PDB file of N, CA and C in Angstrom:
ATOM      1  N   UNK A   1      33.695 163.787 215.519  1.00  0.00           N
ATOM      2  CA  UNK A   1      34.980 164.140 214.642  1.00  0.00           C
ATOM      3  C   UNK A   1      35.083 162.954 213.848  1.00  0.00           C
ATOM      4  N   UNK A   2      35.053 163.102 212.376  1.00  0.00           N
ATOM      5  CA  UNK A   2      35.478 161.655 211.877  1.00  0.00           C
ATOM      6  C   UNK A   2      36.821 162.155 211.105  1.00  0.00           C
ATOM      7  N   UNK A   3      37.684 161.092 211.600  1.00  0.00           N
ATOM      8  CA  UNK A   3      38.987 160.987 210.755  1.00  0.00           C
ATOM      9  C   UNK A   3      39.124 160.104 209.899  1.00  0.00           C
ATOM     10  N   UNK A   4      39.598 160.333 208.397  1.00  0.00           N
ATOM     11  CA  UNK A   4      39.836 159.240 207.862  1.00  0.00           C
ATOM     12  C   UNK A   4      41.134 158.871 208.513  1.00  0.00           C
ATOM     13  N   UNK A   5      41.335 157.311 207.694  1.00  0.00           N
ATOM     14  CA  UNK A   5      42.293 156.090 208.306  1.00  0.00           C
ATOM     15  C   UNK A   5      43.339 156.625 207.303  1.00  0.00           C
ATOM     16  N   UNK A   6      43.363 157.531 206.537  1.00  0.00           N
ATOM     17  CA  UNK A   6      44.487 157.396 205.984  1.00  0.00           C
ATOM     18  C   UNK A   6      45.043 158.974 206.720  1.00  0.00           C
ATOM     19  N   UNK A   7      44.516 160.227 207.192  1.00  0.00           N
ATOM     20  CA  UNK A   7      44.941 160.859 207.855  1.00  0.00           C
ATOM     21  C   UNK A   7      45.352 160.526 209.106  1.00  0.00           C
ATOM     22  N   UNK A   8      45.195 159.828 209.643  1.00  0.00           N
ATOM     23  CA  UNK A   8      45.014 158.818 211.094  1.00  0.00           C
ATOM     24  C   UNK A   8      46.388 157.588 210.798  1.00  0.00           C
ATOM     25  N   UNK A   9      46.835 157.560 209.775  1.00  0.00           N
ATOM     26  CA  UNK A   9      48.080 156.684 209.388  1.00  0.00           C
ATOM     27  C   UNK A   9      49.321 157.857 209.384  1.00  0.00           C
ATOM     28  N   UNK A  10      49.013 158.729 208.456  1.00  0.00           N
ATOM     29  CA  UNK A  10      49.919 159.576 208.097  1.00  0.00           C
ATOM     30  C   UNK A  10      50.737 160.713 209.164  1.00  0.00           C
ATOM     31  N   UNK A  11      49.538 160.755 209.961  1.00  0.00           N
ATOM     32  CA  UNK A  11      49.813 161.567 210.850  1.00  0.00           C
ATOM     33  C   UNK A  11      51.102 160.508 212.182  1.00  0.00           C
ATOM     34  N   UNK A  12      49.914 159.304 212.440  1.00  0.00           N
ATOM     35  CA  UNK A  12      50.653 158.880 213.331  1.00  0.00           C
ATOM     36  C   UNK A  12      52.459 158.325 212.760  1.00  0.00           C
ATOM     37  N   UNK A  13      52.624 157.947 211.276  1.00  0.00           N
ATOM     38  CA  UNK A  13      53.749 157.711 210.532  1.00  0.00           C
ATOM     39  C   UNK A  13      54.425 158.768 211.075  1.00  0.00           C
ATOM     40  N   UNK A  14      54.315 160.190 210.729  1.00  0.00           N
ATOM     41  CA  UNK A  14      54.870 161.499 210.885  1.00  0.00           C
ATOM     42  C   UNK A  14      55.611 161.606 212.515  1.00  0.00           C
ATOM     43  N   UNK A  15      54.790 161.142 213.341  1.00  0.00           N
ATOM     44  CA  UNK A  15      55.026 160.943 215.009  1.00  0.00           C
ATOM     45  C   UNK A  15      55.880 160.042 215.015  1.00  0.00           C
ATOM     46  N   UNK A  16      55.746 158.911 214.590  1.00  0.00           N
ATOM     47  CA  UNK A  16      56.817 157.888 214.928  1.00  0.00           C
ATOM     48  C   UNK A  16      58.250 158.241 214.071  1.00  0.00           C
ATOM     49  N   UNK A  17      58.169 158.813 212.826  1.00  0.00           N
ATOM     50  CA  UNK A  17      59.281 159.061 212.300  1.00  0.00           C
ATOM     51  C   UNK A  17      60.320 160.278 212.748  1.00  0.00           C
ATOM     52  N   UNK A  18      59.719 161.002 213.061  1.00  0.00           N
ATOM     53  CA  UNK A  18      60.204 162.184 213.508  1.00  0.00           C
ATOM     54  C   UNK A  18      61.175 161.931 215.345  1.00  0.00           C
ATOM     55  N   UNK A  19      60.091 160.701 215.734  1.00  0.00           N
ATOM     56  CA  UNK A  19      60.781 160.593 217.644  1.00  0.00           C
ATOM     57  C   UNK A  19      61.911 159.756 217.040  1.00  0.00           C
ATOM     58  N   UNK A  20      61.798 158.680 216.166  1.00  0.00           N
ATOM     59  CA  UNK A  20      63.187 157.831 216.019  1.00  0.00           C
ATOM     60  C   UNK A  20      63.920 158.813 215.231  1.00  0.00           C
ATOM     61  N   UNK A  21      63.771 160.036 214.508  1.00  0.00           N
ATOM     62  CA  UNK A  21      65.240 160.402 213.906  1.00  0.00           C
ATOM     63  C   UNK A  21      65.197 161.582 215.250  1.00  0.00           C
ATOM     64  N   UNK A  22      64.535 161.876 216.148  1.00  0.00           N
ATOM     65  CA  UNK A  22      65.258 162.776 217.117  1.00  0.00           C
ATOM     66  C   UNK A  22      66.209 162.014 218.307  1.00  0.00           C
ATOM     67  N   UNK A  23      65.549 160.411 218.224  1.00  0.00           N
ATOM     68  CA  UNK A  23      66.605 159.814 219.171  1.00  0.00           C
ATOM     69  C   UNK A  23      68.344 159.740 218.319  1.00  0.00           C
ATOM     70  N   UNK A  24      67.691 159.541 216.857  1.00  0.00           N
ATOM     71  CA  UNK A  24      69.128 159.186 216.245  1.00  0.00           C
ATOM     72  C   UNK A  24      70.211 160.474 216.351  1.00  0.00           C
ATOM     73  N   UNK A  25      69.443 161.527 216.326  1.00  0.00           N
ATOM     74  CA  UNK A  25      69.977 162.534 216.180  1.00  0.00           C
ATOM     75  C   UNK A  25      70.961 163.455 217.763  1.00  0.00           C
ATOM     76  N   UNK A  26      70.582 162.498 218.774  1.00  0.00           N
ATOM     77  CA  UNK A  26      70.589 162.663 220.072  1.00  0.00           C
ATOM     78  C   UNK A  26      72.339 162.957 220.283  1.00  0.00           C
ATOM     79  N   UNK A  27      73.263 162.164 219.402  1.00  0.00           N
ATOM     80  CA  UNK A  27      74.645 162.459 219.187  1.00  0.00           C
ATOM     81  C   UNK A  27      75.374 163.407 218.487  1.00  0.00           C
ATOM     82  N   UNK A  28      74.139 163.815 217.457  1.00  0.00           N
ATOM     83  CA  UNK A  28      74.430 165.200 216.773  1.00  0.00           C
ATOM     84  C   UNK A  28      74.639 164.877 215.309  1.00  0.00           C
ATOM     85  N   UNK A  29      74.910 163.102 214.835  1.00  0.00           N
ATOM     86  CA  UNK A  29      74.598 162.393 213.861  1.00  0.00           C
ATOM     87  C   UNK A  29      73.777 161.830 213.519  1.00  0.00           C
ATOM     88  N   UNK A  30      73.428 161.429 212.285  1.00  0.00           N
ATOM     89  CA  UNK A  30      72.587 160.462 211.645  1.00  0.00           C
ATOM     90  C   UNK A  30      73.445 159.427 210.722  1.00  0.00           C
ATOM     91  N   UNK A  31      73.175 158.331 211.038  1.00  0.00           N
ATOM     92  CA  UNK A  31      73.911 157.080 210.578  1.00  0.00           C
ATOM     93  C   UNK A  31      72.398 156.562 209.485  1.00  0.00           C
ATOM     94  N   UNK A  32      73.360 155.480 208.787  1.00  0.00           N
ATOM     95  CA  UNK A  32      72.294 154.617 208.000  1.00  0.00           C
ATOM     96  C   UNK A  32      71.303 153.910 208.873  1.00  0.00           C
ATOM     97  N   UNK A  33      72.070 153.339 209.844  1.00  0.00           N
ATOM     98  CA  UNK A  33      71.021 152.742 210.543  1.00  0.00           C
ATOM     99  C   UNK A  33      70.206 153.124 211.704  1.00  0.00           C
ATOM    100  N   UNK A  34      70.462 154.567 211.735  1.00  0.00           N
ATOM    101  CA  UNK A  34      69.330 155.832 212.559  1.00  0.00           C
ATOM    102  C   UNK A  34      68.177 155.875 211.596  1.00  0.00           C
ATOM    103  N   UNK A  35      68.545 156.102 210.038  1.00  0.00           N
ATOM    104  CA  UNK A  35      67.655 156.021 209.192  1.00  0.00           C
ATOM    105  C   UNK A  35      66.680 154.792 208.767  1.00  0.00           C
ATOM    106  N   UNK A  36      67.477 153.620 208.876  1.00  0.00           N
ATOM    107  CA  UNK A  36      66.643 152.631 208.470  1.00  0.00           C
ATOM    108  C   UNK A  36      65.379 151.975 209.726  1.00  0.00           C
ATOM    109  N   UNK A  37      66.052 152.645 210.831  1.00  0.00           N
ATOM    110  CA  UNK A  37      65.328 152.269 212.050  1.00  0.00           C
ATOM    111  C   UNK A  37      63.837 153.692 212.234  1.00  0.00           C
ATOM    112  N   UNK A  38      64.346 154.500 211.298  1.00  0.00           N
ATOM    113  CA  UNK A  38      63.350 155.772 211.558  1.00  0.00           C
ATOM    114  C   UNK A  38      62.264 155.152 210.513  1.00  0.00           C
ATOM    115  N   UNK A  39      62.419 154.336 209.235  1.00  0.00           N
ATOM    116  CA  UNK A  39      61.574 153.969 207.871  1.00  0.00           C
ATOM    117  C   UNK A  39      61.323 152.591 208.277  1.00  0.00           C
ATOM    118  N   UNK A  40      61.588 151.718 209.518  1.00  0.00           N
ATOM    119  CA  UNK A  40      60.706 150.922 210.192  1.00  0.00           C
ATOM    120  C   UNK A  40      59.858 151.413 211.049  1.00  0.00           C
ATOM    121  N   UNK A  41      60.224 152.003 211.730  1.00  0.00           N
ATOM    122  CA  UNK A  41      58.922 152.305 212.916  1.00  0.00           C
ATOM    123  C   UNK A  41      58.283 153.435 211.575  1.00  0.00           C
ATOM    124  N   UNK A  42      58.270 154.097 210.632  1.00  0.00           N
ATOM    125  CA  UNK A  42      56.876 154.356 209.977  1.00  0.00           C
ATOM    126  C   UNK A  42      56.240 153.471 209.623  1.00  0.00           C
ATOM    127  N   UNK A  43      56.839 152.395 208.778  1.00  0.00           N
ATOM    128  CA  UNK A  43      56.068 151.348 208.312  1.00  0.00           C
ATOM    129  C   UNK A  43      55.454 150.671 209.268  1.00  0.00           C
ATOM    130  N   UNK A  44      55.985 150.239 210.335  1.00  0.00           N
ATOM    131  CA  UNK A  44      55.670 149.617 211.843  1.00  0.00           C
ATOM    132  C   UNK A  44      54.225 150.118 211.770  1.00  0.00           C
ATOM    133  N   UNK A  45      54.067 151.392 212.312  1.00  0.00           N
ATOM    134  CA  UNK A  45      52.958 152.213 212.452  1.00  0.00           C
ATOM    135  C   UNK A  45      52.198 152.257 211.388  1.00  0.00           C
ATOM    136  N   UNK A  46      52.449 152.784 210.189  1.00  0.00           N
ATOM    137  CA  UNK A  46      51.476 152.531 209.025  1.00  0.00           C
ATOM    138  C   UNK A  46      50.780 151.308 209.126  1.00  0.00           C
ATOM    139  N   UNK A  47      51.194 149.974 209.420  1.00  0.00           N
ATOM    140  CA  UNK A  47      50.665 148.921 209.464  1.00  0.00           C
ATOM    141  C   UNK A  47      49.857 148.358 210.375  1.00  0.00           C
ATOM    142  N   UNK A  48      50.179 149.137 211.615  1.00  0.00           N
ATOM    143  CA  UNK A  48      49.372 148.619 212.887  1.00  0.00           C
ATOM    144  C   UNK A  48      47.814 149.742 212.783  1.00  0.00           C
ATOM    145  N   UNK A  49      48.350 150.669 212.120  1.00  0.00           N
ATOM    146  CA  UNK A  49      47.138 151.735 212.081  1.00  0.00           C
ATOM    147  C   UNK A  49      46.093 151.375 211.121  1.00  0.00           C
ATOM    148  N   UNK A  50      46.595 150.669 209.845  1.00  0.00           N
ATOM    149  CA  UNK A  50      45.853 150.236 209.120  1.00  0.00           C
ATOM    150  C   UNK A  50      45.110 148.916 209.362  1.00  0.00           C
ATOM    151  N   UNK A  51      45.621 148.206 210.503  1.00  0.00           N
ATOM    152  CA  UNK A  51      44.921 147.173 210.729  1.00  0.00           C
ATOM    153  C   UNK A  51      43.675 147.460 212.065  1.00  0.00           C
ATOM    154  N   UNK A  52      43.991 148.485 212.479  1.00  0.00           N
ATOM    155  CA  UNK A  52      43.327 148.844 213.833  1.00  0.00           C
ATOM    156  C   UNK A  52      41.700 149.770 213.134  1.00  0.00           C
ATOM    157  N   UNK A  53      40.354 149.174 213.094  1.00  0.00           N
ATOM    158  CA  UNK A  53      39.724 150.271 212.629  1.00  0.00           C
ATOM    159  C   UNK A  53      39.395 151.602 213.272  1.00  0.00           C
ATOM    160  N   UNK A  54      38.719 152.218 212.389  1.00  0.00           N
ATOM    161  CA  UNK A  54      38.296 153.487 213.511  1.00  0.00           C
ATOM    162  C   UNK A  54      37.018 152.881 214.460  1.00  0.00           C
ATOM    163  N   UNK A  55      36.809 153.662 216.000  1.00  0.00           N
ATOM    164  CA  UNK A  55      35.916 153.338 216.431  1.00  0.00           C
ATOM    165  C   UNK A  55      34.604 153.758 215.608  1.00  0.00           C
ATOM    166  N   UNK A  56      33.591 152.915 215.719  1.00  0.00           N
ATOM    167  CA  UNK A  56      31.963 153.382 215.180  1.00  0.00           C
ATOM    168  C   UNK A  56      31.359 154.293 216.015  1.00  0.00           C
ATOM    169  N   UNK A  57      30.840 155.670 215.311  1.00  0.00           N
ATOM    170  CA  UNK A  57      30.020 156.681 215.852  1.00  0.00           C
ATOM    171  C   UNK A  57      29.329 155.773 216.338  1.00  0.00           C
ATOM    172  N   UNK A  58      28.541 156.571 217.557  1.00  0.00           N
ATOM    173  CA  UNK A  58      27.425 156.085 217.921  1.00  0.00           C
ATOM    174  C   UNK A  58      26.268 156.930 217.785  1.00  0.00           C
ATOM    175  N   UNK A  59      24.783 156.802 217.721  1.00  0.00           N
ATOM    176  CA  UNK A  59      23.876 157.295 217.100  1.00  0.00           C
ATOM    177  C   UNK A  59      23.731 158.946 217.013  1.00  0.00           C
ATOM    178  N   UNK A  60      24.555 159.390 218.160  1.00  0.00           N
ATOM    179  CA  UNK A  60      24.839 161.282 218.592  1.00  0.00           C
ATOM    180  C   UNK A  60      25.789 161.395 217.756  1.00  0.00           C
ATOM    181  N   UNK A  61      26.554 160.812 217.380  1.00  0.00           N
ATOM    182  CA  UNK A  61      28.116 160.861 216.795  1.00  0.00           C
ATOM    183  C   UNK A  61      29.276 161.382 217.282  1.00  0.00           C
ATOM    184  N   UNK A  62      29.022 160.407 219.065  1.00  0.00           N
ATOM    185  CA  UNK A  62      29.808 160.526 220.088  1.00  0.00           C
ATOM    186  C   UNK A  62      31.175 159.775 219.711  1.00  0.00           C
TER     187      UNK A  62
END
């Protein structure tokens, strides 16, 4: 299965942002700090996802 690095990064960013916002909404409110934390989480995950290359496929596409 071939997944582009962009699809991988977008999916990882959405997951990190959603997890961060869910934690921030645990008390029922969302502060500016919660929003900035979510943005930082998304940017960090995008950077890490971009830095790690996809695993090359073997001769049989595994």
